[in-house]
Amino acid sequence: MVTVLIMETDGAPITTTLELMRWVGWAQMKAGEEWIRERELTHPQSFVLGYLVQNPGTIQREIAKVTRTTAASVSSLLQGLEARELIERRTEAGNERSKFVYATESGVELISGFDTAMAATEQTILAPLNQTERASLHALLVKITAELPQPIR
């Protein structure tokens, strides 16, 4: 058995399996944050843009629900995206009280490529493993997560 001993910035060694898994998750998260930052977006803005690409015409109340935030926060977030012409809010005939939110072409373009960038990050993170090791890791993670509750946003 090989013991991996890696020092954390505070001097404490990272040795447990879950600490190492968190490290992998951290590396993936940092790559995503960098991709978002390059586009001068905040994480909530990028999430909402991505959500609108997949769910065009969503009402603000639904955005508040999926982002687990308040209507006021969503309104402020949407104002910032609207000022950059990344989204537009429209009313529809017969329903002037509700505003439906759409990503603009510029908004769609700005966030296109995120999935590709994250796939490249996965390849970088898994680069030290050969195909057999990757398959084994995947099978083990499937086995572990089968026993866990599904993550929710």
C-alpha atoms as a PDB file:
ATOM      1  CA  MET A   1       0.000   0.000   0.000  1.00  0.00           C
ATOM      2  CA  VAL A   2       1.318   3.422  -0.995  1.00  0.00           C
ATOM      3  CA  THR A   3       0.588   6.380   1.243  1.00  0.00           C
ATOM      4  CA  VAL A   4       0.252   9.674  -0.543  1.00  0.00           C
ATOM      5  CA  LEU A   5       1.440  12.592   1.526  1.00  0.00           C
ATOM      6  CA  ILE A   6       0.838  15.993  -0.010  1.00  0.00           C
ATOM      7  CA  MET A   7       1.067  19.192   1.961  1.00  0.00           C
ATOM      8  CA  GLU A   8      -1.820  21.614   2.006  1.00  0.00           C
ATOM      9  CA  THR A   9      -1.055  25.340   2.052  1.00  0.00           C
ATOM     10  CA  ASP A  10      -1.646  25.451   5.799  1.00  0.00           C
ATOM     11  CA  GLY A  11       0.910  22.675   6.316  1.00  0.00           C
ATOM     12  CA  ALA A  12      -1.578  19.878   7.030  1.00  0.00           C
ATOM     13  CA  PRO A  13      -1.060  16.793   4.871  1.00  0.00           C
ATOM     14  CA  ILE A  14      -3.755  15.696   2.441  1.00  0.00           C
ATOM     15  CA  THR A  15      -3.920  11.940   2.854  1.00  0.00           C
ATOM     16  CA  THR A  16      -7.508  10.717   2.992  1.00  0.00           C
ATOM     17  CA  THR A  17      -9.459   9.564  -0.023  1.00  0.00           C
ATOM     18  CA  LEU A  18     -12.150  12.188   0.484  1.00  0.00           C
ATOM     19  CA  GLU A  19      -9.586  14.973   0.845  1.00  0.00           C
ATOM     20  CA  LEU A  20      -8.029  13.862  -2.444  1.00  0.00           C
ATOM     21  CA  MET A  21     -11.482  13.746  -4.077  1.00  0.00           C
ATOM     22  CA  ARG A  22     -12.159  17.291  -2.848  1.00  0.00           C
ATOM     23  CA  TRP A  23      -8.856  18.347  -4.401  1.00  0.00           C
ATOM     24  CA  VAL A  24      -9.930  16.948  -7.764  1.00  0.00           C
ATOM     25  CA  GLY A  25     -13.284  18.756  -7.428  1.00  0.00           C
ATOM     26  CA  TRP A  26     -11.444  21.945  -6.507  1.00  0.00           C
ATOM     27  CA  ALA A  27      -9.274  21.703  -9.652  1.00  0.00           C
ATOM     28  CA  GLN A  28     -12.377  21.284 -11.797  1.00  0.00           C
ATOM     29  CA  MET A  29     -14.142  24.173 -10.053  1.00  0.00           C
ATOM     30  CA  LYS A  30     -11.124  26.488 -10.502  1.00  0.00           C
ATOM     31  CA  ALA A  31     -11.009  25.720 -14.236  1.00  0.00           C
ATOM     32  CA  GLY A  32     -14.708  26.572 -14.521  1.00  0.00           C
ATOM     33  CA  GLU A  33     -14.253  29.775 -12.548  1.00  0.00           C
ATOM     34  CA  GLU A  34     -11.366  30.815 -14.787  1.00  0.00           C
ATOM     35  CA  TRP A  35     -13.441  30.176 -17.921  1.00  0.00           C
ATOM     36  CA  ILE A  36     -16.274  32.279 -16.472  1.00  0.00           C
ATOM     37  CA  ARG A  37     -13.925  35.058 -15.311  1.00  0.00           C
ATOM     38  CA  GLU A  38     -12.405  35.307 -18.814  1.00  0.00           C
ATOM     39  CA  ARG A  39     -15.892  36.248 -20.018  1.00  0.00           C
ATOM     40  CA  GLU A  40     -16.285  38.833 -17.257  1.00  0.00           C
ATOM     41  CA  LEU A  41     -19.221  36.968 -15.728  1.00  0.00           C
ATOM     42  CA  THR A  42     -19.986  36.007 -12.184  1.00  0.00           C
ATOM     43  CA  HIS A  43     -20.856  32.405 -11.394  1.00  0.00           C
ATOM     44  CA  PRO A  44     -24.568  33.254 -10.917  1.00  0.00           C
ATOM     45  CA  GLN A  45     -24.626  35.177 -14.207  1.00  0.00           C
ATOM     46  CA  SER A  46     -23.063  32.294 -16.114  1.00  0.00           C
ATOM     47  CA  PHE A  47     -25.451  29.816 -14.510  1.00  0.00           C
ATOM     48  CA  VAL A  48     -28.488  31.912 -15.451  1.00  0.00           C
ATOM     49  CA  LEU A  49     -27.233  32.405 -19.011  1.00  0.00           C
ATOM     50  CA  GLY A  50     -26.708  28.662 -19.371  1.00  0.00           C
ATOM     51  CA  TYR A  51     -30.127  27.985 -17.905  1.00  0.00           C
ATOM     52  CA  LEU A  52     -31.750  30.431 -20.326  1.00  0.00           C
ATOM     53  CA  VAL A  53     -30.012  28.818 -23.297  1.00  0.00           C
ATOM     54  CA  GLN A  54     -31.524  25.490 -22.237  1.00  0.00           C
ATOM     55  CA  ASN A  55     -34.867  27.002 -21.117  1.00  0.00           C
ATOM     56  CA  PRO A  56     -35.677  30.025 -23.290  1.00  0.00           C
ATOM     57  CA  GLY A  57     -38.594  32.136 -22.159  1.00  0.00           C
ATOM     58  CA  THR A  58     -38.268  31.345 -18.465  1.00  0.00           C
ATOM     59  CA  ILE A  59     -40.053  33.685 -16.066  1.00  0.00           C
ATOM     60  CA  GLN A  60     -38.086  35.461 -13.356  1.00  0.00           C
ATOM     61  CA  ARG A  61     -39.848  33.564 -10.570  1.00  0.00           C
ATOM     62  CA  GLU A  62     -38.570  30.267 -12.038  1.00  0.00           C
ATOM     63  CA  ILE A  63     -35.032  31.664 -12.247  1.00  0.00           C
ATOM     64  CA  ALA A  64     -35.256  32.630  -8.568  1.00  0.00           C
ATOM     65  CA  LYS A  65     -36.395  29.098  -7.761  1.00  0.00           C
ATOM     66  CA  VAL A  66     -33.591  27.310  -9.644  1.00  0.00           C
ATOM     67  CA  THR A  67     -30.941  29.688  -8.305  1.00  0.00           C
ATOM     68  CA  ARG A  68     -32.365  29.473  -4.792  1.00  0.00           C
ATOM     69  CA  THR A  69     -32.356  33.212  -4.378  1.00  0.00           C
ATOM     70  CA  THR A  70     -34.820  36.052  -4.071  1.00  0.00           C
ATOM     71  CA  ALA A  71     -36.768  37.758  -6.823  1.00  0.00           C
ATOM     72  CA  ALA A  72     -34.918  41.000  -5.979  1.00  0.00           C
ATOM     73  CA  SER A  73     -31.534  39.297  -6.434  1.00  0.00           C
ATOM     74  CA  VAL A  74     -32.639  37.807  -9.741  1.00  0.00           C
ATOM     75  CA  SER A  75     -33.889  41.189 -10.916  1.00  0.00           C
ATOM     76  CA  SER A  76     -30.518  42.753 -10.122  1.00  0.00           C
ATOM     77  CA  LEU A  77     -28.625  39.911 -11.808  1.00  0.00           C
ATOM     78  CA  LEU A  78     -30.827  40.179 -14.914  1.00  0.00           C
ATOM     79  CA  GLN A  79     -30.314  43.959 -15.050  1.00  0.00           C
ATOM     80  CA  GLY A  80     -26.556  43.387 -15.271  1.00  0.00           C
ATOM     81  CA  LEU A  81     -26.958  40.822 -18.046  1.00  0.00           C
ATOM     82  CA  GLU A  82     -29.442  43.066 -19.834  1.00  0.00           C
ATOM     83  CA  ALA A  83     -27.055  46.035 -19.696  1.00  0.00           C
ATOM     84  CA  ARG A  84     -24.487  43.890 -21.523  1.00  0.00           C
ATOM     85  CA  GLU A  85     -27.183  42.827 -24.010  1.00  0.00           C
ATOM     86  CA  LEU A  86     -26.747  39.174 -23.056  1.00  0.00           C
ATOM     87  CA  ILE A  87     -30.425  38.654 -22.202  1.00  0.00           C
ATOM     88  CA  GLU A  88     -33.722  40.279 -23.004  1.00  0.00           C
ATOM     89  CA  ARG A  89     -36.998  40.347 -21.123  1.00  0.00           C
ATOM     90  CA  ARG A  90     -40.227  40.239 -23.067  1.00  0.00           C
ATOM     91  CA  THR A  91     -43.896  40.271 -22.289  1.00  0.00           C
ATOM     92  CA  GLU A  92     -46.215  38.147 -24.355  1.00  0.00           C
ATOM     93  CA  ALA A  93     -49.632  39.093 -25.637  1.00  0.00           C
ATOM     94  CA  GLY A  94     -52.316  38.288 -23.109  1.00  0.00           C
ATOM     95  CA  ASN A  95     -49.806  38.098 -20.259  1.00  0.00           C
ATOM     96  CA  GLU A  96     -48.331  41.577 -19.764  1.00  0.00           C
ATOM     97  CA  ARG A  97     -47.718  40.957 -16.046  1.00  0.00           C
ATOM     98  CA  SER A  98     -45.084  38.263 -16.550  1.00  0.00           C
ATOM     99  CA  LYS A  99     -41.727  38.904 -18.174  1.00  0.00           C
ATOM    100  CA  PHE A 100     -40.184  36.056 -20.094  1.00  0.00           C
ATOM    101  CA  VAL A 101     -36.394  35.996 -20.189  1.00  0.00           C
ATOM    102  CA  TYR A 102     -34.324  34.936 -23.178  1.00  0.00           C
ATOM    103  CA  ALA A 103     -30.583  34.747 -23.832  1.00  0.00           C
ATOM    104  CA  THR A 104     -29.657  36.935 -26.778  1.00  0.00           C
ATOM    105  CA  GLU A 105     -27.434  35.737 -29.591  1.00  0.00           C
ATOM    106  CA  SER A 106     -24.530  37.506 -27.854  1.00  0.00           C
ATOM    107  CA  GLY A 107     -25.351  35.725 -24.611  1.00  0.00           C
ATOM    108  CA  VAL A 108     -25.500  32.344 -26.305  1.00  0.00           C
ATOM    109  CA  GLU A 109     -22.176  32.991 -28.048  1.00  0.00           C
ATOM    110  CA  LEU A 110     -20.501  34.185 -24.867  1.00  0.00           C
ATOM    111  CA  ILE A 111     -21.144  30.975 -22.977  1.00  0.00           C
ATOM    112  CA  SER A 112     -20.895  28.532 -25.869  1.00  0.00           C
ATOM    113  CA  GLY A 113     -17.976  26.220 -25.407  1.00  0.00           C
ATOM    114  CA  PHE A 114     -18.307  25.753 -21.650  1.00  0.00           C
ATOM    115  CA  ASP A 115     -19.045  22.024 -21.979  1.00  0.00           C
ATOM    116  CA  THR A 116     -16.065  21.616 -24.306  1.00  0.00           C
ATOM    117  CA  ALA A 117     -13.816  23.499 -21.876  1.00  0.00           C
ATOM    118  CA  MET A 118     -14.955  21.329 -18.979  1.00  0.00           C
ATOM    119  CA  ALA A 119     -14.404  18.158 -21.026  1.00  0.00           C
ATOM    120  CA  ALA A 120     -10.848  19.373 -21.719  1.00  0.00           C
ATOM    121  CA  THR A 121     -10.403  20.010 -17.985  1.00  0.00           C
ATOM    122  CA  GLU A 122     -11.551  16.459 -17.263  1.00  0.00           C
ATOM    123  CA  GLN A 123      -8.991  15.137 -19.742  1.00  0.00           C
ATOM    124  CA  THR A 124      -6.256  17.216 -18.081  1.00  0.00           C
ATOM    125  CA  ILE A 125      -7.213  16.038 -14.597  1.00  0.00           C
ATOM    126  CA  LEU A 126      -7.369  12.392 -15.675  1.00  0.00           C
ATOM    127  CA  ALA A 127      -4.223  12.569 -17.868  1.00  0.00           C
ATOM    128  CA  PRO A 128      -2.063  10.580 -15.411  1.00  0.00           C
ATOM    129  CA  LEU A 129      -4.428   7.589 -15.731  1.00  0.00           C
ATOM    130  CA  ASN A 130      -4.471   5.108 -18.595  1.00  0.00           C
ATOM    131  CA  GLN A 131      -7.794   3.931 -20.054  1.00  0.00           C
ATOM    132  CA  THR A 132      -8.014   0.907 -17.730  1.00  0.00           C
ATOM    133  CA  GLU A 133      -7.406   3.075 -14.669  1.00  0.00           C
ATOM    134  CA  ARG A 134      -9.969   5.612 -15.874  1.00  0.00           C
ATOM    135  CA  ALA A 135     -12.540   2.855 -16.342  1.00  0.00           C
ATOM    136  CA  SER A 136     -11.784   1.500 -12.858  1.00  0.00           C
ATOM    137  CA  LEU A 137     -12.057   4.941 -11.279  1.00  0.00           C
ATOM    138  CA  HIS A 138     -15.337   5.552 -13.080  1.00  0.00           C
ATOM    139  CA  ALA A 139     -16.755   2.195 -11.980  1.00  0.00           C
ATOM    140  CA  LEU A 140     -15.761   2.847  -8.372  1.00  0.00           C
ATOM    141  CA  LEU A 141     -17.310   6.324  -8.383  1.00  0.00           C
ATOM    142  CA  VAL A 142     -20.525   4.951  -9.905  1.00  0.00           C
ATOM    143  CA  LYS A 143     -20.624   2.359  -7.119  1.00  0.00           C
ATOM    144  CA  ILE A 144     -20.081   4.993  -4.409  1.00  0.00           C
ATOM    145  CA  THR A 145     -22.569   7.504  -5.792  1.00  0.00           C
ATOM    146  CA  ALA A 146     -25.238   4.856  -6.276  1.00  0.00           C
ATOM    147  CA  GLU A 147     -25.593   4.857  -2.491  1.00  0.00           C
ATOM    148  CA  LEU A 148     -25.742   8.652  -2.094  1.00  0.00           C
ATOM    149  CA  PRO A 149     -28.704  10.992  -2.460  1.00  0.00           C
ATOM    150  CA  GLN A 150     -28.857  12.807  -5.808  1.00  0.00           C
ATOM    151  CA  PRO A 151     -27.317  16.291  -5.633  1.00  0.00           C
ATOM    152  CA  ILE A 152     -29.760  19.143  -6.063  1.00  0.00           C
ATOM    153  CA  ARG A 153     -29.036  22.724  -6.994  1.00  0.00           C
END
